[in-house]
PDB file of N, CA and C in Angstrom:
ATOM      1  N   MET A   1     186.664  73.291   0.492  1.00  0.00           N
ATOM      2  CA  MET A   1     187.284  73.779  -0.707  1.00  0.00           C
ATOM      3  C   MET A   1     186.727  73.007  -1.910  1.00  0.00           C
ATOM      4  N   LYS A   2     186.265  73.739  -2.900  1.00  0.00           N
ATOM      5  CA  LYS A   2     185.682  73.129  -4.085  1.00  0.00           C
ATOM      6  C   LYS A   2     186.785  72.804  -5.095  1.00  0.00           C
ATOM      7  N   LEU A   3     186.735  71.605  -5.659  1.00  0.00           N
ATOM      8  CA  LEU A   3     187.722  71.214  -6.663  1.00  0.00           C
ATOM      9  C   LEU A   3     187.393  71.865  -7.998  1.00  0.00           C
ATOM     10  N   ARG A   4     188.423  72.321  -8.681  1.00  0.00           N
ATOM     11  CA  ARG A   4     188.260  72.892 -10.021  1.00  0.00           C
ATOM     12  C   ARG A   4     189.055  72.028 -10.991  1.00  0.00           C
ATOM     13  N   PHE A   5     188.447  71.699 -12.100  1.00  0.00           N
ATOM     14  CA  PHE A   5     189.080  70.829 -13.078  1.00  0.00           C
ATOM     15  C   PHE A   5     189.476  71.639 -14.304  1.00  0.00           C
ATOM     16  N   ALA A   6     190.664  71.384 -14.799  1.00  0.00           N
ATOM     17  CA  ALA A   6     191.172  72.093 -15.980  1.00  0.00           C
ATOM     18  C   ALA A   6     190.736  71.363 -17.245  1.00  0.00           C
ATOM     19  N   HIS A   7     190.593  72.115 -18.317  1.00  0.00           N
ATOM     20  CA  HIS A   7     190.286  71.526 -19.616  1.00  0.00           C
ATOM     21  C   HIS A   7     191.601  71.132 -20.279  1.00  0.00           C
ATOM     22  N   LEU A   8     191.741  69.854 -20.565  1.00  0.00           N
ATOM     23  CA  LEU A   8     192.956  69.369 -21.216  1.00  0.00           C
ATOM     24  C   LEU A   8     192.622  68.979 -22.654  1.00  0.00           C
ATOM     25  N   SER A   9     193.561  69.166 -23.536  1.00  0.00           N
ATOM     26  CA  SER A   9     193.306  68.923 -24.956  1.00  0.00           C
ATOM     27  C   SER A   9     193.373  67.433 -25.286  1.00  0.00           C
ATOM     28  N   ALA A  10     192.905  67.117 -26.474  1.00  0.00           N
ATOM     29  CA  ALA A  10     192.986  65.739 -26.950  1.00  0.00           C
ATOM     30  C   ALA A  10     194.441  65.351 -27.209  1.00  0.00           C
ATOM     31  N   GLY A  11     195.262  66.334 -27.550  1.00  0.00           N
ATOM     32  CA  GLY A  11     196.683  66.073 -27.747  1.00  0.00           C
ATOM     33  C   GLY A  11     197.367  65.608 -26.469  1.00  0.00           C
ATOM     34  N   PHE A  12     196.899  66.106 -25.342  1.00  0.00           N
ATOM     35  CA  PHE A  12     197.440  65.689 -24.048  1.00  0.00           C
ATOM     36  C   PHE A  12     197.164  64.204 -23.828  1.00  0.00           C
ATOM     37  N   MET A  13     195.938  63.776 -24.146  1.00  0.00           N
ATOM     38  CA  MET A  13     195.585  62.359 -23.983  1.00  0.00           C
ATOM     39  C   MET A  13     196.367  61.494 -24.971  1.00  0.00           C
ATOM     40  N   LEU A  14     196.484  61.951 -26.188  1.00  0.00           N
ATOM     41  CA  LEU A  14     197.219  61.201 -27.200  1.00  0.00           C
ATOM     42  C   LEU A  14     198.688  61.058 -26.816  1.00  0.00           C
ATOM     43  N   THR A  15     199.272  62.112 -26.291  1.00  0.00           N
ATOM     44  CA  THR A  15     200.668  62.068 -25.834  1.00  0.00           C
ATOM     45  C   THR A  15     200.837  61.057 -24.709  1.00  0.00           C
ATOM     46  N   SER A  16     199.877  61.014 -23.805  1.00  0.00           N
ATOM     47  CA  SER A  16     199.982  60.074 -22.686  1.00  0.00           C
ATOM     48  C   SER A  16     199.884  58.630 -23.164  1.00  0.00           C
ATOM     49  N   ILE A  17     199.022  58.356 -24.137  1.00  0.00           N
ATOM     50  CA  ILE A  17     198.885  56.988 -24.644  1.00  0.00           C
ATOM     51  C   ILE A  17     200.139  56.558 -25.395  1.00  0.00           C
ATOM     52  N   ILE A  18     200.602  57.407 -26.301  1.00  0.00           N
ATOM     53  CA  ILE A  18     201.795  57.072 -27.080  1.00  0.00           C
ATOM     54  C   ILE A  18     203.023  56.975 -26.176  1.00  0.00           C
ATOM     55  N   GLY A  19     203.160  57.889 -25.226  1.00  0.00           N
ATOM     56  CA  GLY A  19     204.286  57.850 -24.302  1.00  0.00           C
ATOM     57  C   GLY A  19     204.287  56.603 -23.442  1.00  0.00           C
ATOM     58  N   PHE A  20     203.100  56.177 -23.015  1.00  0.00           N
ATOM     59  CA  PHE A  20     202.997  54.956 -22.211  1.00  0.00           C
ATOM     60  C   PHE A  20     203.438  53.741 -23.028  1.00  0.00           C
ATOM     61  N   LEU A  21     202.952  53.660 -24.269  1.00  0.00           N
ATOM     62  CA  LEU A  21     203.311  52.514 -25.103  1.00  0.00           C
ATOM     63  C   LEU A  21     204.800  52.486 -25.419  1.00  0.00           C
ATOM     64  N   ILE A  22     205.378  53.628 -25.720  1.00  0.00           N
ATOM     65  CA  ILE A  22     206.824  53.693 -25.984  1.00  0.00           C
ATOM     66  C   ILE A  22     207.619  53.305 -24.733  1.00  0.00           C
ATOM     67  N   SER A  23     207.146  53.751 -23.576  1.00  0.00           N
ATOM     68  CA  SER A  23     207.838  53.418 -22.322  1.00  0.00           C
ATOM     69  C   SER A  23     207.822  51.922 -22.060  1.00  0.00           C
ATOM     70  N   ILE A  24     206.687  51.296 -22.322  1.00  0.00           N
ATOM     71  CA  ILE A  24     206.565  49.855 -22.067  1.00  0.00           C
ATOM     72  C   ILE A  24     207.377  49.037 -23.069  1.00  0.00           C
ATOM     73  N   TYR A  25     207.246  49.349 -24.358  1.00  0.00           N
ATOM     74  CA  TYR A  25     207.851  48.497 -25.380  1.00  0.00           C
ATOM     75  C   TYR A  25     209.318  48.787 -25.672  1.00  0.00           C
ATOM     76  N   PHE A  26     209.758  50.037 -25.562  1.00  0.00           N
ATOM     77  CA  PHE A  26     211.130  50.355 -25.948  1.00  0.00           C
ATOM     78  C   PHE A  26     212.029  50.720 -24.767  1.00  0.00           C
ATOM     79  N   VAL A  27     211.563  51.614 -23.914  1.00  0.00           N
ATOM     80  CA  VAL A  27     212.416  52.087 -22.813  1.00  0.00           C
ATOM     81  C   VAL A  27     212.611  51.001 -21.767  1.00  0.00           C
ATOM     82  N   MET A  28     211.573  50.197 -21.531  1.00  0.00           N
ATOM     83  CA  MET A  28     211.659  49.137 -20.520  1.00  0.00           C
ATOM     84  C   MET A  28     212.762  48.132 -20.865  1.00  0.00           C
ATOM     85  N   LYS A  29     213.008  47.909 -22.171  1.00  0.00           N
ATOM     86  CA  LYS A  29     214.068  46.976 -22.585  1.00  0.00           C
ATOM     87  C   LYS A  29     215.458  47.532 -22.273  1.00  0.00           C
ATOM     88  N   LEU A  30     215.596  48.851 -22.347  1.00  0.00           N
ATOM     89  CA  LEU A  30     216.898  49.467 -22.090  1.00  0.00           C
ATOM     90  C   LEU A  30     217.174  49.624 -20.599  1.00  0.00           C
ATOM     91  N   SER A  31     216.159  50.079 -19.866  1.00  0.00           N
ATOM     92  CA  SER A  31     216.318  50.291 -18.430  1.00  0.00           C
ATOM     93  C   SER A  31     214.961  50.111 -17.757  1.00  0.00           C
ATOM     94  N   SER A  32     214.874  49.140 -16.889  1.00  0.00           N
ATOM     95  CA  SER A  32     213.585  48.869 -16.247  1.00  0.00           C
ATOM     96  C   SER A  32     213.168  50.001 -15.306  1.00  0.00           C
ATOM     97  N   THR A  33     214.141  50.651 -14.681  1.00  0.00           N
ATOM     98  CA  THR A  33     213.824  51.761 -13.770  1.00  0.00           C
ATOM     99  C   THR A  33     213.230  52.938 -14.534  1.00  0.00           C
ATOM    100  N   TRP A  34     213.886  53.338 -15.623  1.00  0.00           N
ATOM    101  CA  TRP A  34     213.371  54.448 -16.421  1.00  0.00           C
ATOM    102  C   TRP A  34     212.064  54.067 -17.112  1.00  0.00           C
ATOM    103  N   GLY A  35     211.968  52.845 -17.573  1.00  0.00           N
ATOM    104  CA  GLY A  35     210.737  52.388 -18.221  1.00  0.00           C
ATOM    105  C   GLY A  35     209.553  52.451 -17.280  1.00  0.00           C
ATOM    106  N   PHE A  36     209.733  51.976 -16.047  1.00  0.00           N
ATOM    107  CA  PHE A  36     208.651  52.020 -15.066  1.00  0.00           C
ATOM    108  C   PHE A  36     208.299  53.457 -14.702  1.00  0.00           C
ATOM    109  N   THR A  37     209.315  54.294 -14.516  1.00  0.00           N
ATOM    110  CA  THR A  37     209.079  55.689 -14.141  1.00  0.00           C
ATOM    111  C   THR A  37     208.309  56.433 -15.222  1.00  0.00           C
ATOM    112  N   LEU A  38     208.734  56.279 -16.460  1.00  0.00           N
ATOM    113  CA  LEU A  38     208.039  56.956 -17.558  1.00  0.00           C
ATOM    114  C   LEU A  38     206.639  56.390 -17.773  1.00  0.00           C
ATOM    115  N   ALA A  39     206.479  55.077 -17.645  1.00  0.00           N
ATOM    116  CA  ALA A  39     205.158  54.470 -17.789  1.00  0.00           C
ATOM    117  C   ALA A  39     204.211  54.989 -16.704  1.00  0.00           C
ATOM    118  N   LEU A  40     204.702  55.114 -15.488  1.00  0.00           N
ATOM    119  CA  LEU A  40     203.896  55.660 -14.401  1.00  0.00           C
ATOM    120  C   LEU A  40     203.514  57.110 -14.668  1.00  0.00           C
ATOM    121  N   PHE A  41     204.476  57.896 -15.152  1.00  0.00           N
ATOM    122  CA  PHE A  41     204.228  59.294 -15.473  1.00  0.00           C
ATOM    123  C   PHE A  41     203.147  59.439 -16.539  1.00  0.00           C
ATOM    124  N   PHE A  42     203.257  58.667 -17.621  1.00  0.00           N
ATOM    125  CA  PHE A  42     202.275  58.760 -18.691  1.00  0.00           C
ATOM    126  C   PHE A  42     200.923  58.177 -18.272  1.00  0.00           C
ATOM    127  N   ALA A  43     200.911  57.200 -17.381  1.00  0.00           N
ATOM    128  CA  ALA A  43     199.647  56.671 -16.860  1.00  0.00           C
ATOM    129  C   ALA A  43     198.936  57.738 -16.027  1.00  0.00           C
ATOM    130  N   ILE A  44     199.676  58.490 -15.240  1.00  0.00           N
ATOM    131  CA  ILE A  44     199.083  59.582 -14.455  1.00  0.00           C
ATOM    132  C   ILE A  44     198.543  60.665 -15.382  1.00  0.00           C
ATOM    133  N   MET A  45     199.273  60.943 -16.474  1.00  0.00           N
ATOM    134  CA  MET A  45     198.772  61.905 -17.468  1.00  0.00           C
ATOM    135  C   MET A  45     197.451  61.427 -18.061  1.00  0.00           C
ATOM    136  N   PHE A  46     197.368  60.138 -18.381  1.00  0.00           N
ATOM    137  CA  PHE A  46     196.143  59.583 -18.963  1.00  0.00           C
ATOM    138  C   PHE A  46     194.978  59.673 -17.983  1.00  0.00           C
ATOM    139  N   ILE A  47     195.225  59.347 -16.732  1.00  0.00           N
ATOM    140  CA  ILE A  47     194.169  59.424 -15.715  1.00  0.00           C
ATOM    141  C   ILE A  47     193.689  60.859 -15.558  1.00  0.00           C
ATOM    142  N   SER A  48     194.609  61.822 -15.571  1.00  0.00           N
ATOM    143  CA  SER A  48     194.201  63.223 -15.444  1.00  0.00           C
ATOM    144  C   SER A  48     193.389  63.684 -16.652  1.00  0.00           C
ATOM    145  N   SER A  49     193.708  63.183 -17.839  1.00  0.00           N
ATOM    146  CA  SER A  49     192.923  63.568 -19.011  1.00  0.00           C
ATOM    147  C   SER A  49     191.520  62.962 -18.962  1.00  0.00           C
ATOM    148  N   ILE A  50     191.388  61.755 -18.417  1.00  0.00           N
ATOM    149  CA  ILE A  50     190.060  61.144 -18.251  1.00  0.00           C
ATOM    150  C   ILE A  50     189.246  61.933 -17.230  1.00  0.00           C
ATOM    151  N   ILE A  51     189.861  62.316 -16.127  1.00  0.00           N
ATOM    152  CA  ILE A  51     189.165  63.113 -15.113  1.00  0.00           C
ATOM    153  C   ILE A  51     188.738  64.447 -15.704  1.00  0.00           C
ATOM    154  N   SER A  52     189.605  65.067 -16.468  1.00  0.00           N
ATOM    155  CA  SER A  52     189.274  66.336 -17.104  1.00  0.00           C
ATOM    156  C   SER A  52     188.112  66.174 -18.070  1.00  0.00           C
ATOM    157  N   MET A  53     188.115  65.080 -18.805  1.00  0.00           N
ATOM    158  CA  MET A  53     187.078  64.848 -19.794  1.00  0.00           C
ATOM    159  C   MET A  53     185.711  64.627 -19.142  1.00  0.00           C
ATOM    160  N   THR A  54     185.683  64.001 -17.979  1.00  0.00           N
ATOM    161  CA  THR A  54     184.411  63.676 -17.358  1.00  0.00           C
ATOM    162  C   THR A  54     183.901  64.749 -16.393  1.00  0.00           C
ATOM    163  N   HIS A  55     184.793  65.511 -15.770  1.00  0.00           N
ATOM    164  CA  HIS A  55     184.356  66.439 -14.725  1.00  0.00           C
ATOM    165  C   HIS A  55     184.438  67.915 -15.071  1.00  0.00           C
ATOM    166  N   ALA A  56     185.219  68.293 -16.058  1.00  0.00           N
ATOM    167  CA  ALA A  56     185.390  69.720 -16.358  1.00  0.00           C
ATOM    168  C   ALA A  56     184.120  70.276 -17.003  1.00  0.00           C
ATOM    169  N   PRO A  57     183.618  71.395 -16.488  1.00  0.00           N
ATOM    170  CA  PRO A  57     182.389  71.973 -17.051  1.00  0.00           C
ATOM    171  C   PRO A  57     182.674  72.684 -18.374  1.00  0.00           C
ATOM    172  N   PHE A  58     181.708  72.632 -19.277  1.00  0.00           N
ATOM    173  CA  PHE A  58     181.837  73.307 -20.565  1.00  0.00           C
ATOM    174  C   PHE A  58     180.797  74.409 -20.663  1.00  0.00           C
ATOM    175  N   ASN A  59     180.763  75.288 -19.677  1.00  0.00           N
ATOM    176  CA  ASN A  59     179.816  76.394 -19.675  1.00  0.00           C
ATOM    177  C   ASN A  59     180.317  77.571 -20.486  1.00  0.00           C
ATOM    178  N   GLU A  60     181.615  77.724 -20.535  1.00  0.00           N
ATOM    179  CA  GLU A  60     182.188  78.897 -21.170  1.00  0.00           C
ATOM    180  C   GLU A  60     182.171  78.749 -22.684  1.00  0.00           C
ATOM    181  N   LYS A  61     181.876  79.835 -23.364  1.00  0.00           N
ATOM    182  CA  LYS A  61     181.704  79.835 -24.811  1.00  0.00           C
ATOM    183  C   LYS A  61     182.979  79.425 -25.556  1.00  0.00           C
ATOM    184  N   GLU A  62     184.135  79.848 -25.064  1.00  0.00           N
ATOM    185  CA  GLU A  62     185.383  79.550 -25.778  1.00  0.00           C
ATOM    186  C   GLU A  62     185.648  78.053 -25.847  1.00  0.00           C
ATOM    187  N   TYR A  63     185.299  77.305 -24.809  1.00  0.00           N
ATOM    188  CA  TYR A  63     185.524  75.867 -24.816  1.00  0.00           C
ATOM    189  C   TYR A  63     184.537  75.176 -25.749  1.00  0.00           C
ATOM    190  N   GLN A  64     183.318  75.676 -25.807  1.00  0.00           N
ATOM    191  CA  GLN A  64     182.325  75.094 -26.713  1.00  0.00           C
ATOM    192  C   GLN A  64     182.728  75.334 -28.160  1.00  0.00           C
ATOM    193  N   GLU A  65     183.262  76.512 -28.448  1.00  0.00           N
ATOM    194  CA  GLU A  65     183.698  76.808 -29.814  1.00  0.00           C
ATOM    195  C   GLU A  65     184.924  75.977 -30.190  1.00  0.00           C
ATOM    196  N   GLU A  66     185.770  75.675 -29.216  1.00  0.00           N
ATOM    197  CA  GLU A  66     186.949  74.862 -29.484  1.00  0.00           C
ATOM    198  C   GLU A  66     186.539  73.458 -29.902  1.00  0.00           C
ATOM    199  N   LEU A  67     185.459  72.951 -29.328  1.00  0.00           N
ATOM    200  CA  LEU A  67     185.003  71.616 -29.656  1.00  0.00           C
ATOM    201  C   LEU A  67     184.334  71.558 -31.025  1.00  0.00           C
ATOM    202  N   ALA A  68     183.771  72.660 -31.467  1.00  0.00           N
ATOM    203  CA  ALA A  68     182.995  72.676 -32.708  1.00  0.00           C
ATOM    204  C   ALA A  68     183.870  73.061 -33.901  1.00  0.00           C
ATOM    205  N   VAL A  69     184.942  72.334 -34.114  1.00  0.00           N
ATOM    206  CA  VAL A  69     185.853  72.630 -35.207  1.00  0.00           C
ATOM    207  C   VAL A  69     185.160  72.393 -36.543  1.00  0.00           C
ATOM    208  N   HIS A  70     184.338  71.364 -36.621  1.00  0.00           N
ATOM    209  CA  HIS A  70     183.667  71.056 -37.877  1.00  0.00           C
ATOM    210  C   HIS A  70     182.730  72.188 -38.309  1.00  0.00           C
ATOM    211  N   GLU A  71     182.158  72.902 -37.346  1.00  0.00           N
ATOM    212  CA  GLU A  71     181.293  74.033 -37.675  1.00  0.00           C
ATOM    213  C   GLU A  71     182.120  75.195 -38.238  1.00  0.00           C
ATOM    214  N   LYS A  72     183.314  75.413 -37.710  1.00  0.00           N
ATOM    215  CA  LYS A  72     184.180  76.468 -38.229  1.00  0.00           C
ATOM    216  C   LYS A  72     184.577  76.186 -39.673  1.00  0.00           C
ATOM    217  N   ILE A  73     184.896  74.929 -39.954  1.00  0.00           N
ATOM    218  CA  ILE A  73     185.284  74.563 -41.310  1.00  0.00           C
ATOM    219  C   ILE A  73     184.106  74.732 -42.260  1.00  0.00           C
ATOM    220  N   ALA A  74     182.913  74.339 -41.813  1.00  0.00           N
ATOM    221  CA  ALA A  74     181.728  74.472 -42.654  1.00  0.00           C
ATOM    222  C   ALA A  74     181.428  75.944 -42.943  1.00  0.00           C
ATOM    223  N   LYS A  75     181.584  76.813 -41.947  1.00  0.00           N
ATOM    224  CA  LYS A  75     181.346  78.246 -42.159  1.00  0.00           C
ATOM    225  C   LYS A  75     182.361  78.825 -43.138  1.00  0.00           C
ATOM    226  N   LYS A  76     183.628  78.395 -43.009  1.00  0.00           N
ATOM    227  CA  LYS A  76     184.669  78.891 -43.895  1.00  0.00           C
ATOM    228  C   LYS A  76     184.387  78.490 -45.343  1.00  0.00           C
ATOM    229  N   ASN A  77     184.009  77.236 -45.535  1.00  0.00           N
ATOM    230  CA  ASN A  77     183.710  76.749 -46.878  1.00  0.00           C
ATOM    231  C   ASN A  77     182.472  77.413 -47.448  1.00  0.00           C
ATOM    232  N   TRP A  78     181.493  77.675 -46.611  1.00  0.00           N
ATOM    233  CA  TRP A  78     180.254  78.298 -47.072  1.00  0.00           C
ATOM    234  C   TRP A  78     180.526  79.744 -47.512  1.00  0.00           C
ATOM    235  N   LYS A  79     181.393  80.455 -46.781  1.00  0.00           N
ATOM    236  CA  LYS A  79     181.734  81.835 -47.151  1.00  0.00           C
ATOM    237  C   LYS A  79     182.512  81.862 -48.463  1.00  0.00           C
ATOM    238  N   LYS A  80     183.343  80.861 -48.718  1.00  0.00           N
ATOM    239  CA  LYS A  80     184.104  80.808 -49.963  1.00  0.00           C
ATOM    240  C   LYS A  80     183.180  80.607 -51.161  1.00  0.00           C
ATOM    241  N   LYS A  81     182.116  79.831 -50.964  1.00  0.00           N
ATOM    242  CA  LYS A  81     181.189  79.539 -52.061  1.00  0.00           C
ATOM    243  C   LYS A  81     180.331  80.760 -52.430  1.00  0.00           C
ATOM    244  N   LYS A  82     180.111  81.644 -51.484  1.00  0.00           N
ATOM    245  CA  LYS A  82     179.272  82.826 -51.735  1.00  0.00           C
ATOM    246  C   LYS A  82     179.906  83.810 -52.606  1.00  0.00           C
TER     247      LYS A  82
END
């Protein structure tokens, strides 16, 4: 069986980092059980985003266009100037 990797957004990675830090610094002080559980959850999210970033193929046009946001903005500005 061949593994297939999903494309995850940068927001997913950012959420995992911020959630991990909040779990360690704030939730852990209130409840060590919940702090550890949430920190583990967000760490798994971060690992999955790293795997997605390194292994997911970018052959499809829609994913390539999603990455090229700066080109979309440049085209929009260029059309306004014309």
